[in-house]
Amino acid sequence: ECVLHLDVWSVHRSIQFRMWLDMTYPWIKYRFVPGGCT
């Protein structure tokens, strides 16, 4: 398993992208940088 650290941009947070990651690469665990804290 690996961690992908993302900001909270709309495409990153979209259900479409998150579902695609979950289904295609279940070993990728995505986490988000809190908004306004980059």
PDB file of all heavy atoms in Angstrom:
ATOM      1  N   GLU A   1       0.835  -1.199   0.000  1.00  0.00           N
ATOM      2  CA  GLU A   1       0.000   0.000   0.000  1.00  0.00           C
ATOM      3  C   GLU A   1       0.872   1.252   0.000  1.00  0.00           C
ATOM      4  O   GLU A   1       1.965   1.275   0.582  1.00  0.00           O
ATOM      5  CB  GLU A   1      -0.939  -0.020   1.199  1.00  0.00           C
ATOM      6  CG  GLU A   1      -1.977  -1.125   1.080  1.00  0.00           C
ATOM      7  CD  GLU A   1      -2.945  -1.170   2.254  1.00  0.00           C
ATOM      8  OE1 GLU A   1      -2.468  -1.173   3.403  1.00  0.00           O
ATOM      9  OE2 GLU A   1      -4.157  -1.218   2.003  1.00  0.00           O
ATOM     10  N   CYS A   2       0.368   2.304  -0.665  1.00  0.00           N
ATOM     11  CA  CYS A   2       1.089   3.562  -0.815  1.00  0.00           C
ATOM     12  C   CYS A   2       0.135   4.715  -0.540  1.00  0.00           C
ATOM     13  O   CYS A   2      -1.086   4.574  -0.663  1.00  0.00           O
ATOM     14  CB  CYS A   2       1.651   3.690  -2.233  1.00  0.00           C
ATOM     15  SG  CYS A   2       2.780   2.349  -2.730  1.00  0.00           S
ATOM     16  N   VAL A   3       0.701   5.862  -0.187  1.00  0.00           N
ATOM     17  CA  VAL A   3      -0.108   7.037   0.149  1.00  0.00           C
ATOM     18  C   VAL A   3       0.067   8.108  -0.920  1.00  0.00           C
ATOM     19  O   VAL A   3       1.198   8.502  -1.242  1.00  0.00           O
ATOM     20  CB  VAL A   3       0.286   7.614   1.520  1.00  0.00           C
ATOM     21  CG1 VAL A   3      -0.485   8.912   1.794  1.00  0.00           C
ATOM     22  CG2 VAL A   3       0.015   6.601   2.618  1.00  0.00           C
ATOM     23  N   LEU A   4      -1.053   8.567  -1.447  1.00  0.00           N
ATOM     24  CA  LEU A   4      -1.080   9.691  -2.380  1.00  0.00           C
ATOM     25  C   LEU A   4      -1.651  10.890  -1.639  1.00  0.00           C
ATOM     26  O   LEU A   4      -2.798  10.878  -1.201  1.00  0.00           O
ATOM     27  CB  LEU A   4      -1.943   9.359  -3.599  1.00  0.00           C
ATOM     28  CG  LEU A   4      -2.213  10.506  -4.579  1.00  0.00           C
ATOM     29  CD1 LEU A   4      -0.906  11.064  -5.136  1.00  0.00           C
ATOM     30  CD2 LEU A   4      -3.122  10.035  -5.710  1.00  0.00           C
ATOM     31  N   HIS A   5      -0.828  11.920  -1.484  1.00  0.00           N
ATOM     32  CA  HIS A   5      -1.228  13.123  -0.745  1.00  0.00           C
ATOM     33  C   HIS A   5      -1.664  14.182  -1.753  1.00  0.00           C
ATOM     34  O   HIS A   5      -0.887  14.583  -2.622  1.00  0.00           O
ATOM     35  CB  HIS A   5      -0.047  13.620   0.082  1.00  0.00           C
ATOM     36  CG  HIS A   5      -0.451  14.272   1.353  1.00  0.00           C
ATOM     37  ND1 HIS A   5       0.385  15.094   2.073  1.00  0.00           N
ATOM     38  CD2 HIS A   5      -1.608  14.243   2.056  1.00  0.00           C
ATOM     39  CE1 HIS A   5      -0.228  15.528   3.154  1.00  0.00           C
ATOM     40  NE2 HIS A   5      -1.433  15.029   3.168  1.00  0.00           N
ATOM     41  N   LEU A   6      -2.905  14.652  -1.631  1.00  0.00           N
ATOM     42  CA  LEU A   6      -3.500  15.571  -2.595  1.00  0.00           C
ATOM     43  C   LEU A   6      -4.019  16.813  -1.897  1.00  0.00           C
ATOM     44  O   LEU A   6      -4.335  16.780  -0.706  1.00  0.00           O
ATOM     45  CB  LEU A   6      -4.687  14.904  -3.306  1.00  0.00           C
ATOM     46  CG  LEU A   6      -4.444  13.599  -4.050  1.00  0.00           C
ATOM     47  CD1 LEU A   6      -5.729  12.803  -4.134  1.00  0.00           C
ATOM     48  CD2 LEU A   6      -3.918  13.877  -5.443  1.00  0.00           C
ATOM     49  N   ASP A   7      -4.177  17.907  -2.672  1.00  0.00           N
ATOM     50  CA  ASP A   7      -4.895  19.039  -2.113  1.00  0.00           C
ATOM     51  C   ASP A   7      -6.399  18.843  -2.377  1.00  0.00           C
ATOM     52  O   ASP A   7      -6.809  17.867  -3.017  1.00  0.00           O
ATOM     53  CB  ASP A   7      -4.382  20.366  -2.679  1.00  0.00           C
ATOM     54  CG  ASP A   7      -4.557  20.489  -4.189  1.00  0.00           C
ATOM     55  OD1 ASP A   7      -5.368  19.737  -4.765  1.00  0.00           O
ATOM     56  OD2 ASP A   7      -3.897  21.349  -4.791  1.00  0.00           O
ATOM     57  N   VAL A   8      -7.196  19.764  -1.876  1.00  0.00           N
ATOM     58  CA  VAL A   8      -8.642  19.565  -1.924  1.00  0.00           C
ATOM     59  C   VAL A   8      -9.270  20.186  -3.168  1.00  0.00           C
ATOM     60  O   VAL A   8     -10.396  20.668  -3.146  1.00  0.00           O
ATOM     61  CB  VAL A   8      -9.334  20.123  -0.657  1.00  0.00           C
ATOM     62  CG1 VAL A   8      -9.000  19.284   0.548  1.00  0.00           C
ATOM     63  CG2 VAL A   8      -8.945  21.588  -0.412  1.00  0.00           C
ATOM     64  N   TRP A   9      -8.546  20.163  -4.282  1.00  0.00           N
ATOM     65  CA  TRP A   9      -9.095  20.627  -5.560  1.00  0.00           C
ATOM     66  C   TRP A   9     -10.283  19.755  -5.933  1.00  0.00           C
ATOM     67  O   TRP A   9     -10.342  18.562  -5.615  1.00  0.00           O
ATOM     68  CB  TRP A   9      -7.997  20.565  -6.613  1.00  0.00           C
ATOM     69  CG  TRP A   9      -8.401  21.075  -7.954  1.00  0.00           C
ATOM     70  CD1 TRP A   9      -9.054  22.236  -8.244  1.00  0.00           C
ATOM     71  CD2 TRP A   9      -8.175  20.418  -9.210  1.00  0.00           C
ATOM     72  NE1 TRP A   9      -9.247  22.356  -9.592  1.00  0.00           N
ATOM     73  CE2 TRP A   9      -8.716  21.256 -10.214  1.00  0.00           C
ATOM     74  CE3 TRP A   9      -7.560  19.219  -9.581  1.00  0.00           C
ATOM     75  CZ2 TRP A   9      -8.667  20.933 -11.556  1.00  0.00           C
ATOM     76  CZ3 TRP A   9      -7.510  18.901 -10.917  1.00  0.00           C
ATOM     77  CH2 TRP A   9      -8.058  19.754 -11.902  1.00  0.00           C
ATOM     78  N   SER A  10     -11.252  20.345  -6.619  1.00  0.00           N
ATOM     79  CA  SER A  10     -12.529  19.674  -6.881  1.00  0.00           C
ATOM     80  C   SER A  10     -12.373  18.346  -7.614  1.00  0.00           C
ATOM     81  O   SER A  10     -13.074  17.377  -7.301  1.00  0.00           O
ATOM     82  CB  SER A  10     -13.464  20.602  -7.672  1.00  0.00           C
ATOM     83  OG  SER A  10     -12.850  21.000  -8.896  1.00  0.00           O
ATOM     84  N   VAL A  11     -11.465  18.264  -8.593  1.00  0.00           N
ATOM     85  CA  VAL A  11     -11.284  17.004  -9.326  1.00  0.00           C
ATOM     86  C   VAL A  11     -10.719  15.933  -8.409  1.00  0.00           C
ATOM     87  O   VAL A  11     -11.127  14.768  -8.452  1.00  0.00           O
ATOM     88  CB  VAL A  11     -10.384  17.208 -10.556  1.00  0.00           C
ATOM     89  CG1 VAL A  11     -10.062  15.869 -11.218  1.00  0.00           C
ATOM     90  CG2 VAL A  11     -11.048  18.140 -11.564  1.00  0.00           C
ATOM     91  N   HIS A  12      -9.780  16.311  -7.543  1.00  0.00           N
ATOM     92  CA  HIS A  12      -9.206  15.341  -6.609  1.00  0.00           C
ATOM     93  C   HIS A  12     -10.267  14.790  -5.664  1.00  0.00           C
ATOM     94  O   HIS A  12     -10.257  13.604  -5.322  1.00  0.00           O
ATOM     95  CB  HIS A  12      -8.093  15.987  -5.775  1.00  0.00           C
ATOM     96  CG  HIS A  12      -6.924  16.433  -6.586  1.00  0.00           C
ATOM     97  ND1 HIS A  12      -5.995  17.345  -6.116  1.00  0.00           N
ATOM     98  CD2 HIS A  12      -6.522  16.104  -7.837  1.00  0.00           C
ATOM     99  CE1 HIS A  12      -5.071  17.548  -7.033  1.00  0.00           C
ATOM    100  NE2 HIS A  12      -5.366  16.819  -8.084  1.00  0.00           N
ATOM    101  N   ARG A  13     -11.157  15.656  -5.211  1.00  0.00           N
ATOM    102  CA  ARG A  13     -12.170  15.247  -4.237  1.00  0.00           C
ATOM    103  C   ARG A  13     -13.399  14.627  -4.882  1.00  0.00           C
ATOM    104  O   ARG A  13     -14.272  14.110  -4.175  1.00  0.00           O
ATOM    105  CB  ARG A  13     -12.617  16.461  -3.409  1.00  0.00           C
ATOM    106  CG  ARG A  13     -11.555  17.000  -2.485  1.00  0.00           C
ATOM    107  CD  ARG A  13     -12.098  18.117  -1.594  1.00  0.00           C
ATOM    108  NE  ARG A  13     -12.460  19.318  -2.359  1.00  0.00           N
ATOM    109  CZ  ARG A  13     -13.697  19.701  -2.648  1.00  0.00           C
ATOM    110  NH1 ARG A  13     -14.727  18.977  -2.248  1.00  0.00           N
ATOM    111  NH2 ARG A  13     -13.914  20.805  -3.325  1.00  0.00           N
ATOM    112  N   SER A  14     -13.487  14.655  -6.193  1.00  0.00           N
ATOM    113  CA  SER A  14     -14.699  14.188  -6.866  1.00  0.00           C
ATOM    114  C   SER A  14     -14.949  12.703  -6.603  1.00  0.00           C
ATOM    115  O   SER A  14     -14.013  11.904  -6.474  1.00  0.00           O
ATOM    116  CB  SER A  14     -14.595  14.431  -8.377  1.00  0.00           C
ATOM    117  OG  SER A  14     -13.598  13.600  -8.947  1.00  0.00           O
ATOM    118  N   ILE A  15     -16.204  12.345  -6.524  1.00  0.00           N
ATOM    119  CA  ILE A  15     -16.583  10.939  -6.346  1.00  0.00           C
ATOM    120  C   ILE A  15     -16.051  10.108  -7.497  1.00  0.00           C
ATOM    121  O   ILE A  15     -15.584   8.975  -7.317  1.00  0.00           O
ATOM    122  CB  ILE A  15     -18.110  10.811  -6.230  1.00  0.00           C
ATOM    123  CG1 ILE A  15     -18.594  11.483  -4.933  1.00  0.00           C
ATOM    124  CG2 ILE A  15     -18.545   9.342  -6.266  1.00  0.00           C
ATOM    125  CD1 ILE A  15     -20.101  11.493  -4.773  1.00  0.00           C
ATOM    126  N   GLN A  16     -16.097  10.676  -8.696  1.00  0.00           N
ATOM    127  CA  GLN A  16     -15.633   9.956  -9.888  1.00  0.00           C
ATOM    128  C   GLN A  16     -14.173   9.544  -9.756  1.00  0.00           C
ATOM    129  O   GLN A  16     -13.821   8.380  -9.995  1.00  0.00           O
ATOM    130  CB  GLN A  16     -15.816  10.848 -11.119  1.00  0.00           C
ATOM    131  CG  GLN A  16     -15.465  10.165 -12.442  1.00  0.00           C
ATOM    132  CD  GLN A  16     -15.630  11.097 -13.627  1.00  0.00           C
ATOM    133  OE1 GLN A  16     -15.446  12.311 -13.504  1.00  0.00           O
ATOM    134  NE2 GLN A  16     -15.985  10.555 -14.769  1.00  0.00           N
ATOM    135  N   PHE A  17     -13.321  10.474  -9.355  1.00  0.00           N
ATOM    136  CA  PHE A  17     -11.891  10.163  -9.240  1.00  0.00           C
ATOM    137  C   PHE A  17     -11.617   9.215  -8.080  1.00  0.00           C
ATOM    138  O   PHE A  17     -10.842   8.259  -8.205  1.00  0.00           O
ATOM    139  CB  PHE A  17     -11.084  11.453  -9.079  1.00  0.00           C
ATOM    140  CG  PHE A  17      -9.601  11.239  -8.985  1.00  0.00           C
ATOM    141  CD1 PHE A  17      -8.902  10.639 -10.024  1.00  0.00           C
ATOM    142  CD2 PHE A  17      -8.888  11.646  -7.860  1.00  0.00           C
ATOM    143  CE1 PHE A  17      -7.529  10.438  -9.944  1.00  0.00           C
ATOM    144  CE2 PHE A  17      -7.522  11.460  -7.773  1.00  0.00           C
ATOM    145  CZ  PHE A  17      -6.842  10.860  -8.818  1.00  0.00           C
ATOM    146  N   ARG A  18     -12.264   9.444  -6.955  1.00  0.00           N
ATOM    147  CA  ARG A  18     -12.028   8.591  -5.796  1.00  0.00           C
ATOM    148  C   ARG A  18     -12.521   7.167  -6.032  1.00  0.00           C
ATOM    149  O   ARG A  18     -11.862   6.197  -5.639  1.00  0.00           O
ATOM    150  CB  ARG A  18     -12.683   9.201  -4.561  1.00  0.00           C
ATOM    151  CG  ARG A  18     -11.950  10.445  -4.051  1.00  0.00           C
ATOM    152  CD  ARG A  18     -12.544  10.987  -2.779  1.00  0.00           C
ATOM    153  NE  ARG A  18     -13.818  11.635  -3.006  1.00  0.00           N
ATOM    154  CZ  ARG A  18     -14.886  11.525  -2.229  1.00  0.00           C
ATOM    155  NH1 ARG A  18     -14.858  10.759  -1.151  1.00  0.00           N
ATOM    156  NH2 ARG A  18     -16.006  12.174  -2.507  1.00  0.00           N
ATOM    157  N   MET A  19     -13.663   7.033  -6.692  1.00  0.00           N
ATOM    158  CA  MET A  19     -14.174   5.684  -7.018  1.00  0.00           C
ATOM    159  C   MET A  19     -13.241   4.985  -7.996  1.00  0.00           C
ATOM    160  O   MET A  19     -12.986   3.778  -7.883  1.00  0.00           O
ATOM    161  CB  MET A  19     -15.589   5.777  -7.580  1.00  0.00           C
ATOM    162  CG  MET A  19     -16.658   6.115  -6.556  1.00  0.00           C
ATOM    163  SD  MET A  19     -18.332   6.040  -7.248  1.00  0.00           S
ATOM    164  CE  MET A  19     -18.452   4.303  -7.694  1.00  0.00           C
ATOM    165  N   TRP A  20     -12.716   5.750  -8.960  1.00  0.00           N
ATOM    166  CA  TRP A  20     -11.803   5.155  -9.940  1.00  0.00           C
ATOM    167  C   TRP A  20     -10.544   4.649  -9.236  1.00  0.00           C
ATOM    168  O   TRP A  20     -10.082   3.533  -9.521  1.00  0.00           O
ATOM    169  CB  TRP A  20     -11.443   6.187 -11.006  1.00  0.00           C
ATOM    170  CG  TRP A  20     -10.458   5.674 -12.005  1.00  0.00           C
ATOM    171  CD1 TRP A  20     -10.715   4.891 -13.097  1.00  0.00           C
ATOM    172  CD2 TRP A  20      -9.035   5.876 -11.991  1.00  0.00           C
ATOM    173  NE1 TRP A  20      -9.544   4.593 -13.763  1.00  0.00           N
ATOM    174  CE2 TRP A  20      -8.505   5.189 -13.105  1.00  0.00           C
ATOM    175  CE3 TRP A  20      -8.175   6.583 -11.144  1.00  0.00           C
ATOM    176  CZ2 TRP A  20      -7.147   5.193 -13.395  1.00  0.00           C
ATOM    177  CZ3 TRP A  20      -6.825   6.576 -11.430  1.00  0.00           C
ATOM    178  CH2 TRP A  20      -6.317   5.884 -12.545  1.00  0.00           C
ATOM    179  N   LEU A  21      -9.992   5.453  -8.324  1.00  0.00           N
ATOM    180  CA  LEU A  21      -8.817   5.007  -7.570  1.00  0.00           C
ATOM    181  C   LEU A  21      -9.125   3.765  -6.754  1.00  0.00           C
ATOM    182  O   LEU A  21      -8.349   2.794  -6.746  1.00  0.00           O
ATOM    183  CB  LEU A  21      -8.331   6.124  -6.645  1.00  0.00           C
ATOM    184  CG  LEU A  21      -7.436   7.208  -7.228  1.00  0.00           C
ATOM    185  CD1 LEU A  21      -7.138   8.269  -6.173  1.00  0.00           C
ATOM    186  CD2 LEU A  21      -6.138   6.623  -7.775  1.00  0.00           C
ATOM    187  N   ASP A  22     -10.269   3.764  -6.050  1.00  0.00           N
ATOM    188  CA  ASP A  22     -10.629   2.633  -5.197  1.00  0.00           C
ATOM    189  C   ASP A  22     -10.769   1.344  -5.999  1.00  0.00           C
ATOM    190  O   ASP A  22     -10.355   0.265  -5.542  1.00  0.00           O
ATOM    191  CB  ASP A  22     -11.946   2.918  -4.477  1.00  0.00           C
ATOM    192  CG  ASP A  22     -11.807   4.016  -3.429  1.00  0.00           C
ATOM    193  OD1 ASP A  22     -10.679   4.268  -2.975  1.00  0.00           O
ATOM    194  OD2 ASP A  22     -12.838   4.629  -3.071  1.00  0.00           O
ATOM    195  N   MET A  23     -11.337   1.439  -7.187  1.00  0.00           N
ATOM    196  CA  MET A  23     -11.593   0.248  -7.997  1.00  0.00           C
ATOM    197  C   MET A  23     -10.350  -0.195  -8.769  1.00  0.00           C
ATOM    198  O   MET A  23     -10.100  -1.386  -8.922  1.00  0.00           O
ATOM    199  CB  MET A  23     -12.739   0.523  -8.973  1.00  0.00           C
ATOM    200  CG  MET A  23     -14.090   0.762  -8.302  1.00  0.00           C
ATOM    201  SD  MET A  23     -15.416   1.148  -9.490  1.00  0.00           S
ATOM    202  CE  MET A  23     -15.473  -0.380 -10.424  1.00  0.00           C
ATOM    203  N   THR A  24      -9.560   0.773  -9.274  1.00  0.00           N
ATOM    204  CA  THR A  24      -8.423   0.440 -10.137  1.00  0.00           C
ATOM    205  C   THR A  24      -7.167   0.122  -9.341  1.00  0.00           C
ATOM    206  O   THR A  24      -6.418  -0.809  -9.681  1.00  0.00           O
ATOM    207  CB  THR A  24      -8.142   1.606 -11.107  1.00  0.00           C
ATOM    208  OG1 THR A  24      -9.360   2.027 -11.726  1.00  0.00           O
ATOM    209  CG2 THR A  24      -7.145   1.185 -12.178  1.00  0.00           C
ATOM    210  N   TYR A  25      -6.935   0.881  -8.288  1.00  0.00           N
ATOM    211  CA  TYR A  25      -5.731   0.693  -7.467  1.00  0.00           C
ATOM    212  C   TYR A  25      -6.113   0.714  -5.986  1.00  0.00           C
ATOM    213  O   TYR A  25      -5.855   1.699  -5.279  1.00  0.00           O
ATOM    214  CB  TYR A  25      -4.706   1.795  -7.758  1.00  0.00           C
ATOM    215  CG  TYR A  25      -4.264   1.861  -9.199  1.00  0.00           C
ATOM    216  CD1 TYR A  25      -4.717   2.882 -10.038  1.00  0.00           C
ATOM    217  CD2 TYR A  25      -3.407   0.906  -9.732  1.00  0.00           C
ATOM    218  CE1 TYR A  25      -4.311   2.952 -11.361  1.00  0.00           C
ATOM    219  CE2 TYR A  25      -3.000   0.949 -11.051  1.00  0.00           C
ATOM    220  CZ  TYR A  25      -3.457   1.979 -11.865  1.00  0.00           C
ATOM    221  OH  TYR A  25      -3.057   2.039 -13.181  1.00  0.00           O
ATOM    222  N   PRO A  26      -6.701  -0.351  -5.494  1.00  0.00           N
ATOM    223  CA  PRO A  26      -7.132  -0.364  -4.084  1.00  0.00           C
ATOM    224  C   PRO A  26      -5.972  -0.216  -3.105  1.00  0.00           C
ATOM    225  O   PRO A  26      -6.200   0.104  -1.934  1.00  0.00           O
ATOM    226  CB  PRO A  26      -7.822  -1.730  -3.944  1.00  0.00           C
ATOM    227  CG  PRO A  26      -7.307  -2.555  -5.077  1.00  0.00           C
ATOM    228  CD  PRO A  26      -7.050  -1.597  -6.197  1.00  0.00           C
ATOM    229  N   TRP A  27      -4.744  -0.426  -3.558  1.00  0.00           N
ATOM    230  CA  TRP A  27      -3.589  -0.294  -2.679  1.00  0.00           C
ATOM    231  C   TRP A  27      -3.100   1.155  -2.569  1.00  0.00           C
ATOM    232  O   TRP A  27      -2.197   1.443  -1.781  1.00  0.00           O
ATOM    233  CB  TRP A  27      -2.442  -1.189  -3.146  1.00  0.00           C
ATOM    234  CG  TRP A  27      -2.126  -1.119  -4.612  1.00  0.00           C
ATOM    235  CD1 TRP A  27      -2.651  -1.888  -5.610  1.00  0.00           C
ATOM    236  CD2 TRP A  27      -1.204  -0.216  -5.244  1.00  0.00           C
ATOM    237  NE1 TRP A  27      -2.115  -1.520  -6.830  1.00  0.00           N
ATOM    238  CE2 TRP A  27      -1.225  -0.504  -6.625  1.00  0.00           C
ATOM    239  CE3 TRP A  27      -0.359   0.793  -4.777  1.00  0.00           C
ATOM    240  CZ2 TRP A  27      -0.443   0.191  -7.554  1.00  0.00           C
ATOM    241  CZ3 TRP A  27       0.420   1.496  -5.685  1.00  0.00           C
ATOM    242  CH2 TRP A  27       0.370   1.186  -7.048  1.00  0.00           C
ATOM    243  N   ILE A  28      -3.701   2.077  -3.339  1.00  0.00           N
ATOM    244  CA  ILE A  28      -3.371   3.497  -3.207  1.00  0.00           C
ATOM    245  C   ILE A  28      -4.321   4.123  -2.191  1.00  0.00           C
ATOM    246  O   ILE A  28      -5.534   4.145  -2.383  1.00  0.00           O
ATOM    247  CB  ILE A  28      -3.476   4.237  -4.554  1.00  0.00           C
ATOM    248  CG1 ILE A  28      -2.431   3.712  -5.542  1.00  0.00           C
ATOM    249  CG2 ILE A  28      -3.296   5.749  -4.343  1.00  0.00           C
ATOM    250  CD1 ILE A  28      -2.469   4.400  -6.905  1.00  0.00           C
ATOM    251  N   LYS A  29      -3.774   4.615  -1.116  1.00  0.00           N
ATOM    252  CA  LYS A  29      -4.559   5.268  -0.065  1.00  0.00           C
ATOM    253  C   LYS A  29      -4.382   6.782  -0.203  1.00  0.00           C
ATOM    254  O   LYS A  29      -3.288   7.299  -0.004  1.00  0.00           O
ATOM    255  CB  LYS A  29      -4.104   4.800   1.317  1.00  0.00           C
ATOM    256  CG  LYS A  29      -4.114   3.288   1.480  1.00  0.00           C
ATOM    257  CD  LYS A  29      -5.493   2.701   1.198  1.00  0.00           C
ATOM    258  CE  LYS A  29      -5.486   1.185   1.288  1.00  0.00           C
ATOM    259  NZ  LYS A  29      -6.797   0.594   0.937  1.00  0.00           N
ATOM    260  N   TYR A  30      -5.413   7.465  -0.602  1.00  0.00           N
ATOM    261  CA  TYR A  30      -5.307   8.910  -0.832  1.00  0.00           C
ATOM    262  C   TYR A  30      -5.719   9.680   0.421  1.00  0.00           C
ATOM    263  O   TYR A  30      -6.660   9.328   1.121  1.00  0.00           O
ATOM    264  CB  TYR A  30      -6.157   9.335  -2.044  1.00  0.00           C
ATOM    265  CG  TYR A  30      -7.564   8.784  -2.042  1.00  0.00           C
ATOM    266  CD1 TYR A  30      -8.615   9.463  -1.427  1.00  0.00           C
ATOM    267  CD2 TYR A  30      -7.836   7.576  -2.683  1.00  0.00           C
ATOM    268  CE1 TYR A  30      -9.901   8.941  -1.425  1.00  0.00           C
ATOM    269  CE2 TYR A  30      -9.128   7.047  -2.676  1.00  0.00           C
ATOM    270  CZ  TYR A  30     -10.144   7.749  -2.051  1.00  0.00           C
ATOM    271  OH  TYR A  30     -11.434   7.231  -2.041  1.00  0.00           O
ATOM    272  N   ARG A  31      -4.976  10.713   0.693  1.00  0.00           N
ATOM    273  CA  ARG A  31      -5.250  11.596   1.829  1.00  0.00           C
ATOM    274  C   ARG A  31      -5.158  13.032   1.344  1.00  0.00           C
ATOM    275  O   ARG A  31      -4.414  13.344   0.418  1.00  0.00           O
ATOM    276  CB  ARG A  31      -4.256  11.351   2.974  1.00  0.00           C
ATOM    277  CG  ARG A  31      -4.300   9.942   3.546  1.00  0.00           C
ATOM    278  CD  ARG A  31      -5.607   9.665   4.271  1.00  0.00           C
ATOM    279  NE  ARG A  31      -5.659   8.336   4.871  1.00  0.00           N
ATOM    280  CZ  ARG A  31      -6.193   7.265   4.279  1.00  0.00           C
ATOM    281  NH1 ARG A  31      -6.711   7.379   3.061  1.00  0.00           N
ATOM    282  NH2 ARG A  31      -6.203   6.096   4.887  1.00  0.00           N
ATOM    283  N   PHE A  32      -5.909  13.933   1.989  1.00  0.00           N
ATOM    284  CA  PHE A  32      -6.008  15.302   1.515  1.00  0.00           C
ATOM    285  C   PHE A  32      -5.359  16.305   2.468  1.00  0.00           C
ATOM    286  O   PHE A  32      -5.511  16.205   3.681  1.00  0.00           O
ATOM    287  CB  PHE A  32      -7.479  15.688   1.309  1.00  0.00           C
ATOM    288  CG  PHE A  32      -8.158  14.900   0.222  1.00  0.00           C
ATOM    289  CD1 PHE A  32      -8.987  13.834   0.550  1.00  0.00           C
ATOM    290  CD2 PHE A  32      -7.963  15.209  -1.105  1.00  0.00           C
ATOM    291  CE1 PHE A  32      -9.618  13.099  -0.445  1.00  0.00           C
ATOM    292  CE2 PHE A  32      -8.577  14.476  -2.102  1.00  0.00           C
ATOM    293  CZ  PHE A  32      -9.404  13.416  -1.787  1.00  0.00           C
ATOM    294  N   VAL A  33      -4.636  17.253   1.887  1.00  0.00           N
ATOM    295  CA  VAL A  33      -4.129  18.384   2.652  1.00  0.00           C
ATOM    296  C   VAL A  33      -5.331  19.248   3.039  1.00  0.00           C
ATOM    297  O   VAL A  33      -6.140  19.591   2.188  1.00  0.00           O
ATOM    298  CB  VAL A  33      -3.140  19.218   1.826  1.00  0.00           C
ATOM    299  CG1 VAL A  33      -2.682  20.439   2.600  1.00  0.00           C
ATOM    300  CG2 VAL A  33      -1.952  18.370   1.391  1.00  0.00           C
ATOM    301  N   PRO A  34      -5.512  19.586   4.293  1.00  0.00           N
ATOM    302  CA  PRO A  34      -6.674  20.389   4.687  1.00  0.00           C
ATOM    303  C   PRO A  34      -6.742  21.708   3.930  1.00  0.00           C
ATOM    304  O   PRO A  34      -5.707  22.322   3.631  1.00  0.00           O
ATOM    305  CB  PRO A  34      -6.456  20.619   6.183  1.00  0.00           C
ATOM    306  CG  PRO A  34      -5.562  19.496   6.619  1.00  0.00           C
ATOM    307  CD  PRO A  34      -4.681  19.222   5.452  1.00  0.00           C
ATOM    308  N   GLY A  35      -7.949  22.139   3.595  1.00  0.00           N
ATOM    309  CA  GLY A  35      -8.141  23.376   2.860  1.00  0.00           C
ATOM    310  C   GLY A  35      -7.529  24.575   3.561  1.00  0.00           C
ATOM    311  O   GLY A  35      -7.666  24.737   4.775  1.00  0.00           O
ATOM    312  N   GLY A  36      -6.851  25.406   2.788  1.00  0.00           N
ATOM    313  CA  GLY A  36      -6.237  26.604   3.339  1.00  0.00           C
ATOM    314  C   GLY A  36      -4.952  26.374   4.099  1.00  0.00           C
ATOM    315  O   GLY A  36      -4.404  27.304   4.684  1.00  0.00           O
ATOM    316  N   CYS A  37      -4.445  25.136   4.089  1.00  0.00           N
ATOM    317  CA  CYS A  37      -3.273  24.817   4.910  1.00  0.00           C
ATOM    318  C   CYS A  37      -2.058  24.411   4.073  1.00  0.00           C
ATOM    319  O   CYS A  37      -1.049  23.979   4.648  1.00  0.00           O
ATOM    320  CB  CYS A  37      -3.606  23.690   5.891  1.00  0.00           C
ATOM    321  SG  CYS A  37      -4.874  24.128   7.094  1.00  0.00           S
ATOM    322  N   THR A  38      -2.112  24.548   2.762  1.00  0.00           N
ATOM    323  CA  THR A  38      -0.994  24.120   1.935  1.00  0.00           C
ATOM    324  C   THR A  38       0.291  24.824   2.334  1.00  0.00           C
ATOM    325  O   THR A  38       1.355  24.213   2.421  1.00  0.00           O
ATOM    326  CB  THR A  38      -1.289  24.391   0.449  1.00  0.00           C
ATOM    327  OG1 THR A  38      -2.442  23.650   0.057  1.00  0.00           O
ATOM    328  CG2 THR A  38      -0.118  23.989  -0.419  1.00  0.00           C
TER     329      THR A  38
END
